[in-house]
Amino acid sequence: MRNLRKLFLAAIMVVGFNVAAQAQEVAHINVSELIPLMPESKTAKDELTKLQDKLKKELETMQKDYQTKGQKYQTEAPTAGDALNATRMKEMQEMEDRMYLFQQNADQELSKKQLALTEPILTKAQQAIHKVARAKGYKYVLDSTLGSGVILADGPNLMADVKKELKIN
């Protein structure tokens, strides 16, 4: 019975040491906090804003043309013939279709541009996190961003070391 108790205590100690060792292999970082701190993020945001403003101005110009023509056609409609009014109605519908298509294409263009700009930033952040984690001996790094599934993040936070690696103050 004594040997069984000693064996049981030894097993508990081994499991306890194993859990403690594994806890030292895990660290965390809030990636959604890190990304905006990177200078590349500001550059990407500025570039996206410029593109968005350009596309918005183009759409506003199209809308002004549409409104101007619509008002002109509306005032001339009583004196214009049925054939001319039908042609103008068709032209207005085509302008609406072009604006709708332009807006869809602009949204797609913005999405593609955002992906193209953010992908290298995420890759750079990930590489820095990998480098710091390996240098510190961590096997697992969890993203402690709110809603990412990490409920408790009491382990080592790599934010300061990754910021240092990326040369962010």
N, C-alpha and C. Protein backbone atom coordinates (compact mmCIF):
# COMPACT_ATOMS: atom_id res chain seq x y z
N MET A 1 0.82 -1.19 0.00
CA MET A 1 0.00 0.00 0.00
C MET A 1 0.87 1.26 0.00
N ARG A 2 1.97 1.23 0.79
CA ARG A 2 2.88 2.37 0.84
C ARG A 2 3.54 2.59 -0.52
N ASN A 3 3.92 1.51 -1.16
CA ASN A 3 4.56 1.63 -2.48
C ASN A 3 3.59 2.22 -3.50
N LEU A 4 2.32 1.85 -3.39
CA LEU A 4 1.31 2.38 -4.29
C LEU A 4 1.13 3.88 -4.07
N ARG A 5 1.15 4.30 -2.81
CA ARG A 5 1.02 5.72 -2.50
C ARG A 5 2.22 6.50 -3.03
N LYS A 6 3.43 5.96 -2.85
CA LYS A 6 4.65 6.61 -3.37
C LYS A 6 4.61 6.71 -4.89
N LEU A 7 4.15 5.66 -5.51
CA LEU A 7 4.04 5.65 -6.97
C LEU A 7 3.03 6.69 -7.43
N PHE A 8 1.91 6.80 -6.72
CA PHE A 8 0.88 7.77 -7.05
C PHE A 8 1.41 9.20 -6.89
N LEU A 9 2.12 9.48 -5.79
CA LEU A 9 2.70 10.80 -5.57
C LEU A 9 3.75 11.13 -6.63
N ALA A 10 4.54 10.15 -6.99
CA ALA A 10 5.55 10.35 -8.02
C ALA A 10 4.88 10.69 -9.36
N ALA A 11 3.80 10.00 -9.67
CA ALA A 11 3.08 10.26 -10.92
C ALA A 11 2.50 11.66 -10.92
N ILE A 12 1.93 12.09 -9.80
CA ILE A 12 1.38 13.45 -9.70
C ILE A 12 2.47 14.49 -9.88
N MET A 13 3.65 14.24 -9.28
CA MET A 13 4.76 15.18 -9.41
C MET A 13 5.23 15.27 -10.86
N VAL A 14 5.32 14.15 -11.55
CA VAL A 14 5.75 14.14 -12.95
C VAL A 14 4.75 14.92 -13.81
N VAL A 15 3.46 14.66 -13.59
CA VAL A 15 2.43 15.38 -14.34
C VAL A 15 2.49 16.87 -14.02
N GLY A 16 2.68 17.22 -12.78
CA GLY A 16 2.77 18.63 -12.37
C GLY A 16 3.95 19.33 -13.01
N PHE A 17 5.11 18.66 -13.01
CA PHE A 17 6.28 19.25 -13.65
C PHE A 17 6.07 19.39 -15.15
N ASN A 18 5.40 18.42 -15.75
CA ASN A 18 5.13 18.46 -17.18
C ASN A 18 4.21 19.64 -17.53
N VAL A 19 3.17 19.84 -16.74
CA VAL A 19 2.25 20.97 -16.95
C VAL A 19 2.99 22.29 -16.78
N ALA A 20 3.84 22.38 -15.76
CA ALA A 20 4.60 23.60 -15.52
C ALA A 20 5.56 23.87 -16.68
N ALA A 21 6.17 22.83 -17.20
CA ALA A 21 7.09 22.98 -18.34
C ALA A 21 6.33 23.44 -19.57
N GLN A 22 5.15 22.89 -19.79
CA GLN A 22 4.36 23.29 -20.95
C GLN A 22 3.89 24.73 -20.82
N ALA A 23 3.58 25.18 -19.63
CA ALA A 23 3.14 26.55 -19.42
C ALA A 23 4.24 27.53 -19.81
N GLN A 24 5.50 27.11 -19.63
CA GLN A 24 6.61 27.97 -20.00
C GLN A 24 6.83 27.99 -21.51
N GLU A 25 6.18 27.13 -22.25
CA GLU A 25 6.33 27.07 -23.70
C GLU A 25 5.32 27.98 -24.42
N VAL A 26 4.38 28.58 -23.68
CA VAL A 26 3.30 29.35 -24.29
C VAL A 26 3.42 30.82 -23.91
N ALA A 27 3.29 31.67 -24.93
CA ALA A 27 3.27 33.12 -24.72
C ALA A 27 2.09 33.67 -25.51
N HIS A 28 1.86 34.97 -25.41
CA HIS A 28 0.76 35.57 -26.15
C HIS A 28 1.13 36.96 -26.64
N ILE A 29 0.37 37.45 -27.61
CA ILE A 29 0.52 38.81 -28.13
C ILE A 29 -0.81 39.23 -28.74
N ASN A 30 -1.14 40.50 -28.59
CA ASN A 30 -2.36 41.04 -29.17
C ASN A 30 -2.01 41.60 -30.55
N VAL A 31 -2.27 40.81 -31.57
CA VAL A 31 -1.89 41.17 -32.94
C VAL A 31 -2.67 42.40 -33.42
N SER A 32 -3.93 42.52 -33.02
CA SER A 32 -4.72 43.67 -33.47
C SER A 32 -4.23 44.97 -32.83
N GLU A 33 -3.46 44.86 -31.78
CA GLU A 33 -2.84 46.04 -31.16
C GLU A 33 -1.49 46.33 -31.83
N LEU A 34 -0.81 45.28 -32.27
CA LEU A 34 0.51 45.42 -32.88
C LEU A 34 0.43 46.03 -34.28
N ILE A 35 -0.47 45.53 -35.10
CA ILE A 35 -0.54 45.94 -36.51
C ILE A 35 -0.66 47.46 -36.68
N PRO A 36 -1.58 48.14 -35.97
CA PRO A 36 -1.68 49.60 -36.16
C PRO A 36 -0.43 50.38 -35.73
N LEU A 37 0.40 49.77 -34.89
CA LEU A 37 1.63 50.44 -34.45
C LEU A 37 2.72 50.42 -35.51
N MET A 38 2.59 49.54 -36.48
CA MET A 38 3.61 49.41 -37.51
C MET A 38 3.50 50.58 -38.50
N PRO A 39 4.62 51.20 -38.87
CA PRO A 39 4.58 52.34 -39.80
C PRO A 39 3.94 51.98 -41.15
N GLU A 40 4.10 50.74 -41.55
CA GLU A 40 3.52 50.31 -42.82
C GLU A 40 2.00 50.39 -42.81
N SER A 41 1.41 50.24 -41.62
CA SER A 41 -0.04 50.32 -41.49
C SER A 41 -0.55 51.71 -41.80
N LYS A 42 0.16 52.72 -41.32
CA LYS A 42 -0.25 54.10 -41.60
C LYS A 42 -0.13 54.39 -43.09
N THR A 43 0.95 53.95 -43.70
CA THR A 43 1.14 54.15 -45.13
C THR A 43 0.04 53.47 -45.92
N ALA A 44 -0.28 52.24 -45.55
CA ALA A 44 -1.35 51.50 -46.23
C ALA A 44 -2.69 52.20 -46.05
N LYS A 45 -2.95 52.66 -44.84
CA LYS A 45 -4.22 53.36 -44.57
C LYS A 45 -4.32 54.62 -45.40
N ASP A 46 -3.23 55.38 -45.49
CA ASP A 46 -3.22 56.61 -46.28
C ASP A 46 -3.46 56.31 -47.76
N GLU A 47 -2.83 55.25 -48.24
CA GLU A 47 -3.00 54.87 -49.65
C GLU A 47 -4.44 54.43 -49.94
N LEU A 48 -5.01 53.68 -49.02
CA LEU A 48 -6.41 53.27 -49.18
C LEU A 48 -7.35 54.46 -49.13
N THR A 49 -7.08 55.40 -48.26
CA THR A 49 -7.91 56.60 -48.16
C THR A 49 -7.84 57.41 -49.44
N LYS A 50 -6.64 57.54 -50.01
CA LYS A 50 -6.49 58.26 -51.29
C LYS A 50 -7.31 57.59 -52.39
N LEU A 51 -7.21 56.28 -52.49
CA LEU A 51 -7.95 55.55 -53.51
C LEU A 51 -9.46 55.70 -53.28
N GLN A 52 -9.87 55.59 -52.04
CA GLN A 52 -11.29 55.71 -51.71
C GLN A 52 -11.81 57.11 -52.07
N ASP A 53 -11.03 58.13 -51.77
CA ASP A 53 -11.43 59.50 -52.11
C ASP A 53 -11.53 59.70 -53.61
N LYS A 54 -10.58 59.14 -54.34
CA LYS A 54 -10.58 59.25 -55.81
C LYS A 54 -11.84 58.59 -56.39
N LEU A 55 -12.14 57.39 -55.93
CA LEU A 55 -13.31 56.67 -56.44
C LEU A 55 -14.60 57.39 -56.03
N LYS A 56 -14.61 57.94 -54.84
CA LYS A 56 -15.79 58.67 -54.37
C LYS A 56 -16.05 59.90 -55.23
N LYS A 57 -14.98 60.63 -55.57
CA LYS A 57 -15.12 61.81 -56.43
C LYS A 57 -15.64 61.43 -57.81
N GLU A 58 -15.12 60.33 -58.34
CA GLU A 58 -15.60 59.87 -59.66
C GLU A 58 -17.09 59.55 -59.61
N LEU A 59 -17.51 58.88 -58.56
CA LEU A 59 -18.93 58.53 -58.41
C LEU A 59 -19.77 59.79 -58.23
N GLU A 60 -19.28 60.74 -57.45
CA GLU A 60 -20.02 61.99 -57.26
C GLU A 60 -20.17 62.75 -58.58
N THR A 61 -19.14 62.74 -59.41
CA THR A 61 -19.21 63.38 -60.72
C THR A 61 -20.28 62.70 -61.58
N MET A 62 -20.29 61.39 -61.56
CA MET A 62 -21.30 60.64 -62.32
C MET A 62 -22.71 60.98 -61.82
N GLN A 63 -22.86 61.08 -60.49
CA GLN A 63 -24.17 61.39 -59.92
C GLN A 63 -24.62 62.80 -60.28
N LYS A 64 -23.68 63.76 -60.28
CA LYS A 64 -24.02 65.13 -60.66
C LYS A 64 -24.47 65.18 -62.12
N ASP A 65 -23.74 64.49 -62.99
CA ASP A 65 -24.13 64.44 -64.40
C ASP A 65 -25.53 63.85 -64.56
N TYR A 66 -25.78 62.81 -63.80
CA TYR A 66 -27.09 62.14 -63.84
C TYR A 66 -28.19 63.10 -63.40
N GLN A 67 -27.95 63.80 -62.29
CA GLN A 67 -28.96 64.75 -61.78
C GLN A 67 -29.17 65.90 -62.74
N THR A 68 -28.10 66.42 -63.31
CA THR A 68 -28.21 67.54 -64.26
C THR A 68 -29.03 67.13 -65.48
N LYS A 69 -28.68 65.98 -66.03
CA LYS A 69 -29.43 65.51 -67.20
C LYS A 69 -30.88 65.22 -66.83
N GLY A 70 -31.08 64.63 -65.68
CA GLY A 70 -32.44 64.31 -65.24
C GLY A 70 -33.30 65.55 -65.12
N GLN A 71 -32.73 66.60 -64.52
CA GLN A 71 -33.48 67.86 -64.38
C GLN A 71 -33.76 68.49 -65.75
N LYS A 72 -32.76 68.46 -66.61
CA LYS A 72 -32.92 69.03 -67.96
C LYS A 72 -34.02 68.28 -68.71
N TYR A 73 -33.92 66.96 -68.68
CA TYR A 73 -34.90 66.15 -69.41
C TYR A 73 -36.30 66.32 -68.82
N GLN A 74 -36.39 66.50 -67.52
CA GLN A 74 -37.69 66.64 -66.87
C GLN A 74 -38.36 67.96 -67.27
N THR A 75 -37.56 69.02 -67.35
CA THR A 75 -38.14 70.31 -67.74
C THR A 75 -38.51 70.34 -69.22
N GLU A 76 -37.77 69.60 -70.05
CA GLU A 76 -38.04 69.58 -71.49
C GLU A 76 -39.05 68.51 -71.89
N ALA A 77 -39.38 67.60 -70.97
CA ALA A 77 -40.27 66.48 -71.29
C ALA A 77 -41.62 66.89 -71.88
N PRO A 78 -42.30 67.92 -71.35
CA PRO A 78 -43.61 68.26 -71.90
C PRO A 78 -43.56 68.73 -73.36
N THR A 79 -42.46 69.35 -73.77
CA THR A 79 -42.37 69.85 -75.15
C THR A 79 -41.67 68.88 -76.08
N ALA A 80 -40.94 67.92 -75.52
CA ALA A 80 -40.25 66.92 -76.36
C ALA A 80 -41.25 65.86 -76.78
N GLY A 81 -40.98 65.20 -77.86
CA GLY A 81 -41.89 64.16 -78.35
C GLY A 81 -41.72 62.87 -77.56
N ASP A 82 -42.64 61.96 -77.76
CA ASP A 82 -42.61 60.67 -77.07
C ASP A 82 -41.35 59.87 -77.39
N ALA A 83 -40.94 59.92 -78.65
CA ALA A 83 -39.75 59.17 -79.07
C ALA A 83 -38.51 59.72 -78.35
N LEU A 84 -38.38 61.04 -78.27
CA LEU A 84 -37.23 61.66 -77.61
C LEU A 84 -37.27 61.37 -76.11
N ASN A 85 -38.45 61.44 -75.51
CA ASN A 85 -38.57 61.13 -74.08
C ASN A 85 -38.20 59.67 -73.79
N ALA A 86 -38.59 58.76 -74.66
CA ALA A 86 -38.25 57.34 -74.49
C ALA A 86 -36.74 57.15 -74.60
N THR A 87 -36.10 57.83 -75.55
CA THR A 87 -34.65 57.74 -75.72
C THR A 87 -33.93 58.29 -74.48
N ARG A 88 -34.44 59.41 -74.00
CA ARG A 88 -33.84 60.02 -72.81
C ARG A 88 -34.02 59.12 -71.58
N MET A 89 -35.19 58.50 -71.46
CA MET A 89 -35.45 57.59 -70.33
C MET A 89 -34.47 56.42 -70.39
N LYS A 90 -34.24 55.91 -71.59
CA LYS A 90 -33.29 54.80 -71.76
C LYS A 90 -31.87 55.25 -71.38
N GLU A 91 -31.52 56.46 -71.79
CA GLU A 91 -30.19 57.00 -71.48
C GLU A 91 -30.02 57.16 -69.97
N MET A 92 -31.05 57.62 -69.28
CA MET A 92 -30.99 57.77 -67.82
C MET A 92 -30.83 56.41 -67.13
N GLN A 93 -31.54 55.41 -67.64
CA GLN A 93 -31.43 54.06 -67.08
C GLN A 93 -30.02 53.51 -67.27
N GLU A 94 -29.44 53.76 -68.45
CA GLU A 94 -28.07 53.31 -68.71
C GLU A 94 -27.07 54.01 -67.78
N MET A 95 -27.31 55.29 -67.50
CA MET A 95 -26.43 56.01 -66.56
C MET A 95 -26.55 55.41 -65.16
N GLU A 96 -27.77 55.08 -64.74
CA GLU A 96 -27.97 54.44 -63.43
C GLU A 96 -27.21 53.11 -63.37
N ASP A 97 -27.32 52.34 -64.44
CA ASP A 97 -26.64 51.04 -64.49
C ASP A 97 -25.12 51.23 -64.41
N ARG A 98 -24.60 52.23 -65.12
CA ARG A 98 -23.15 52.50 -65.09
C ARG A 98 -22.70 52.90 -63.68
N MET A 99 -23.49 53.72 -63.01
CA MET A 99 -23.13 54.13 -61.64
C MET A 99 -23.15 52.93 -60.70
N TYR A 100 -24.15 52.08 -60.84
CA TYR A 100 -24.24 50.89 -59.99
C TYR A 100 -23.05 49.97 -60.24
N LEU A 101 -22.72 49.75 -61.51
CA LEU A 101 -21.59 48.91 -61.86
C LEU A 101 -20.28 49.53 -61.38
N PHE A 102 -20.16 50.85 -61.52
CA PHE A 102 -18.96 51.53 -61.05
C PHE A 102 -18.79 51.33 -59.55
N GLN A 103 -19.89 51.46 -58.80
CA GLN A 103 -19.82 51.31 -57.35
C GLN A 103 -19.40 49.89 -56.96
N GLN A 104 -19.94 48.90 -57.66
CA GLN A 104 -19.55 47.51 -57.37
C GLN A 104 -18.07 47.29 -57.67
N ASN A 105 -17.61 47.79 -58.82
CA ASN A 105 -16.20 47.63 -59.20
C ASN A 105 -15.29 48.39 -58.24
N ALA A 106 -15.74 49.55 -57.79
CA ALA A 106 -14.94 50.34 -56.83
C ALA A 106 -14.80 49.58 -55.51
N ASP A 107 -15.88 48.98 -55.05
CA ASP A 107 -15.82 48.19 -53.81
C ASP A 107 -14.85 47.02 -53.96
N GLN A 108 -14.89 46.35 -55.10
CA GLN A 108 -13.98 45.23 -55.34
C GLN A 108 -12.54 45.71 -55.42
N GLU A 109 -12.34 46.84 -56.09
CA GLU A 109 -10.99 47.39 -56.22
C GLU A 109 -10.42 47.76 -54.84
N LEU A 110 -11.26 48.37 -54.01
CA LEU A 110 -10.82 48.72 -52.65
C LEU A 110 -10.48 47.48 -51.84
N SER A 111 -11.30 46.45 -51.96
CA SER A 111 -11.04 45.21 -51.22
C SER A 111 -9.73 44.56 -51.66
N LYS A 112 -9.51 44.52 -52.97
CA LYS A 112 -8.27 43.93 -53.49
C LYS A 112 -7.06 44.74 -53.04
N LYS A 113 -7.18 46.06 -53.09
CA LYS A 113 -6.07 46.92 -52.69
C LYS A 113 -5.78 46.75 -51.20
N GLN A 114 -6.83 46.67 -50.39
CA GLN A 114 -6.64 46.48 -48.95
C GLN A 114 -5.93 45.16 -48.67
N LEU A 115 -6.34 44.12 -49.35
CA LEU A 115 -5.70 42.82 -49.17
C LEU A 115 -4.24 42.87 -49.60
N ALA A 116 -3.98 43.51 -50.75
CA ALA A 116 -2.61 43.61 -51.25
C ALA A 116 -1.72 44.41 -50.31
N LEU A 117 -2.29 45.42 -49.65
CA LEU A 117 -1.50 46.25 -48.75
C LEU A 117 -1.31 45.61 -47.37
N THR A 118 -2.31 44.90 -46.88
CA THR A 118 -2.22 44.35 -45.53
C THR A 118 -1.48 43.02 -45.46
N GLU A 119 -1.49 42.28 -46.54
CA GLU A 119 -0.82 40.97 -46.52
C GLU A 119 0.66 41.06 -46.15
N PRO A 120 1.44 41.96 -46.78
CA PRO A 120 2.85 42.06 -46.39
C PRO A 120 3.05 42.54 -44.95
N ILE A 121 2.14 43.37 -44.46
CA ILE A 121 2.24 43.86 -43.08
C ILE A 121 2.03 42.70 -42.11
N LEU A 122 1.00 41.90 -42.38
CA LEU A 122 0.74 40.74 -41.52
C LEU A 122 1.89 39.75 -41.56
N THR A 123 2.45 39.55 -42.75
CA THR A 123 3.59 38.63 -42.90
C THR A 123 4.79 39.13 -42.09
N LYS A 124 5.06 40.43 -42.18
CA LYS A 124 6.19 41.00 -41.44
C LYS A 124 5.98 40.85 -39.94
N ALA A 125 4.76 41.11 -39.47
CA ALA A 125 4.45 40.97 -38.04
C ALA A 125 4.61 39.53 -37.61
N GLN A 126 4.10 38.62 -38.43
CA GLN A 126 4.19 37.19 -38.10
C GLN A 126 5.64 36.74 -38.04
N GLN A 127 6.46 37.20 -38.97
CA GLN A 127 7.88 36.82 -38.96
C GLN A 127 8.58 37.34 -37.71
N ALA A 128 8.25 38.56 -37.31
CA ALA A 128 8.86 39.13 -36.10
C ALA A 128 8.41 38.34 -34.86
N ILE A 129 7.14 37.97 -34.82
CA ILE A 129 6.63 37.19 -33.69
C ILE A 129 7.34 35.83 -33.63
N HIS A 130 7.49 35.19 -34.79
CA HIS A 130 8.19 33.90 -34.84
C HIS A 130 9.63 34.05 -34.35
N LYS A 131 10.30 35.09 -34.82
CA LYS A 131 11.70 35.29 -34.46
C LYS A 131 11.86 35.50 -32.95
N VAL A 132 11.02 36.34 -32.38
CA VAL A 132 11.10 36.62 -30.94
C VAL A 132 10.74 35.37 -30.14
N ALA A 133 9.69 34.68 -30.56
CA ALA A 133 9.24 33.48 -29.82
C ALA A 133 10.32 32.41 -29.83
N ARG A 134 10.94 32.21 -30.97
CA ARG A 134 12.02 31.20 -31.06
C ARG A 134 13.21 31.61 -30.20
N ALA A 135 13.55 32.90 -30.24
CA ALA A 135 14.69 33.38 -29.46
C ALA A 135 14.44 33.24 -27.96
N LYS A 136 13.20 33.35 -27.55
CA LYS A 136 12.85 33.24 -26.12
C LYS A 136 12.48 31.81 -25.73
N GLY A 137 12.43 30.90 -26.71
CA GLY A 137 12.18 29.50 -26.41
C GLY A 137 10.71 29.12 -26.29
N TYR A 138 9.82 29.89 -26.85
CA TYR A 138 8.40 29.56 -26.80
C TYR A 138 8.01 28.72 -28.00
N LYS A 139 7.24 27.68 -27.75
CA LYS A 139 6.79 26.80 -28.82
C LYS A 139 5.44 27.24 -29.37
N TYR A 140 4.65 27.92 -28.54
CA TYR A 140 3.31 28.35 -28.94
C TYR A 140 3.14 29.83 -28.59
N VAL A 141 2.57 30.58 -29.52
CA VAL A 141 2.22 31.97 -29.27
C VAL A 141 0.75 32.13 -29.65
N LEU A 142 -0.04 32.56 -28.68
CA LEU A 142 -1.47 32.73 -28.90
C LEU A 142 -1.77 34.20 -29.18
N ASP A 143 -2.74 34.43 -30.06
CA ASP A 143 -3.19 35.79 -30.32
C ASP A 143 -4.21 36.15 -29.25
N SER A 144 -3.89 37.12 -28.42
CA SER A 144 -4.78 37.49 -27.32
C SER A 144 -5.74 38.60 -27.69
N THR A 145 -5.93 38.83 -28.98
CA THR A 145 -6.91 39.81 -29.43
C THR A 145 -8.28 39.42 -28.90
N LEU A 146 -9.04 40.41 -28.45
CA LEU A 146 -10.36 40.17 -27.90
C LEU A 146 -11.21 39.42 -28.93
N GLY A 147 -11.78 38.31 -28.50
CA GLY A 147 -12.63 37.51 -29.38
C GLY A 147 -11.87 36.45 -30.16
N SER A 148 -10.59 36.30 -29.90
CA SER A 148 -9.81 35.31 -30.65
C SER A 148 -9.83 33.93 -30.01
N GLY A 149 -10.50 33.80 -28.90
CA GLY A 149 -10.61 32.50 -28.26
C GLY A 149 -9.74 32.35 -27.03
N VAL A 150 -8.82 33.27 -26.80
CA VAL A 150 -7.98 33.22 -25.61
C VAL A 150 -8.78 33.83 -24.46
N ILE A 151 -9.04 33.03 -23.46
CA ILE A 151 -9.85 33.48 -22.34
C ILE A 151 -8.99 34.10 -21.25
N LEU A 152 -7.83 33.57 -21.06
CA LEU A 152 -6.92 34.07 -20.04
C LEU A 152 -5.53 34.17 -20.65
N ALA A 153 -4.89 35.30 -20.50
CA ALA A 153 -3.55 35.50 -21.06
C ALA A 153 -2.63 36.02 -19.97
N ASP A 154 -2.34 35.16 -18.99
CA ASP A 154 -1.45 35.52 -17.90
C ASP A 154 0.01 35.21 -18.22
N GLY A 155 0.25 34.48 -19.27
CA GLY A 155 1.62 34.10 -19.62
C GLY A 155 2.40 35.30 -20.13
N PRO A 156 3.60 35.06 -20.55
CA PRO A 156 4.45 36.16 -21.04
C PRO A 156 3.82 36.83 -22.27
N ASN A 157 3.86 38.17 -22.28
CA ASN A 157 3.37 38.94 -23.40
C ASN A 157 4.57 39.35 -24.25
N LEU A 158 4.56 39.01 -25.50
CA LEU A 158 5.70 39.28 -26.39
C LEU A 158 5.63 40.65 -27.05
N MET A 159 4.63 41.45 -26.73
CA MET A 159 4.43 42.73 -27.42
C MET A 159 5.68 43.61 -27.38
N ALA A 160 6.26 43.81 -26.22
CA ALA A 160 7.42 44.69 -26.10
C ALA A 160 8.59 44.17 -26.94
N ASP A 161 8.82 42.87 -26.90
CA ASP A 161 9.94 42.30 -27.66
C ASP A 161 9.70 42.37 -29.16
N VAL A 162 8.46 42.14 -29.59
CA VAL A 162 8.14 42.20 -31.02
C VAL A 162 8.22 43.65 -31.51
N LYS A 163 7.75 44.59 -30.70
CA LYS A 163 7.87 46.01 -31.07
C LYS A 163 9.34 46.38 -31.22
N LYS A 164 10.17 45.86 -30.32
CA LYS A 164 11.61 46.12 -30.39
C LYS A 164 12.18 45.52 -31.68
N GLU A 165 11.76 44.32 -32.01
CA GLU A 165 12.21 43.64 -33.24
C GLU A 165 11.81 44.44 -34.48
N LEU A 166 10.60 45.03 -34.45
CA LEU A 166 10.10 45.80 -35.59
C LEU A 166 10.54 47.26 -35.53
N LYS A 167 11.31 47.59 -34.49
CA LYS A 167 11.81 48.96 -34.29
C LYS A 167 10.67 49.98 -34.16
N ILE A 168 9.66 49.60 -33.36
CA ILE A 168 8.53 50.47 -33.06
C ILE A 168 8.72 50.96 -31.63
N ASN A 169 8.61 52.25 -31.45
CA ASN A 169 8.79 52.83 -30.10
C ASN A 169 7.58 52.62 -29.25
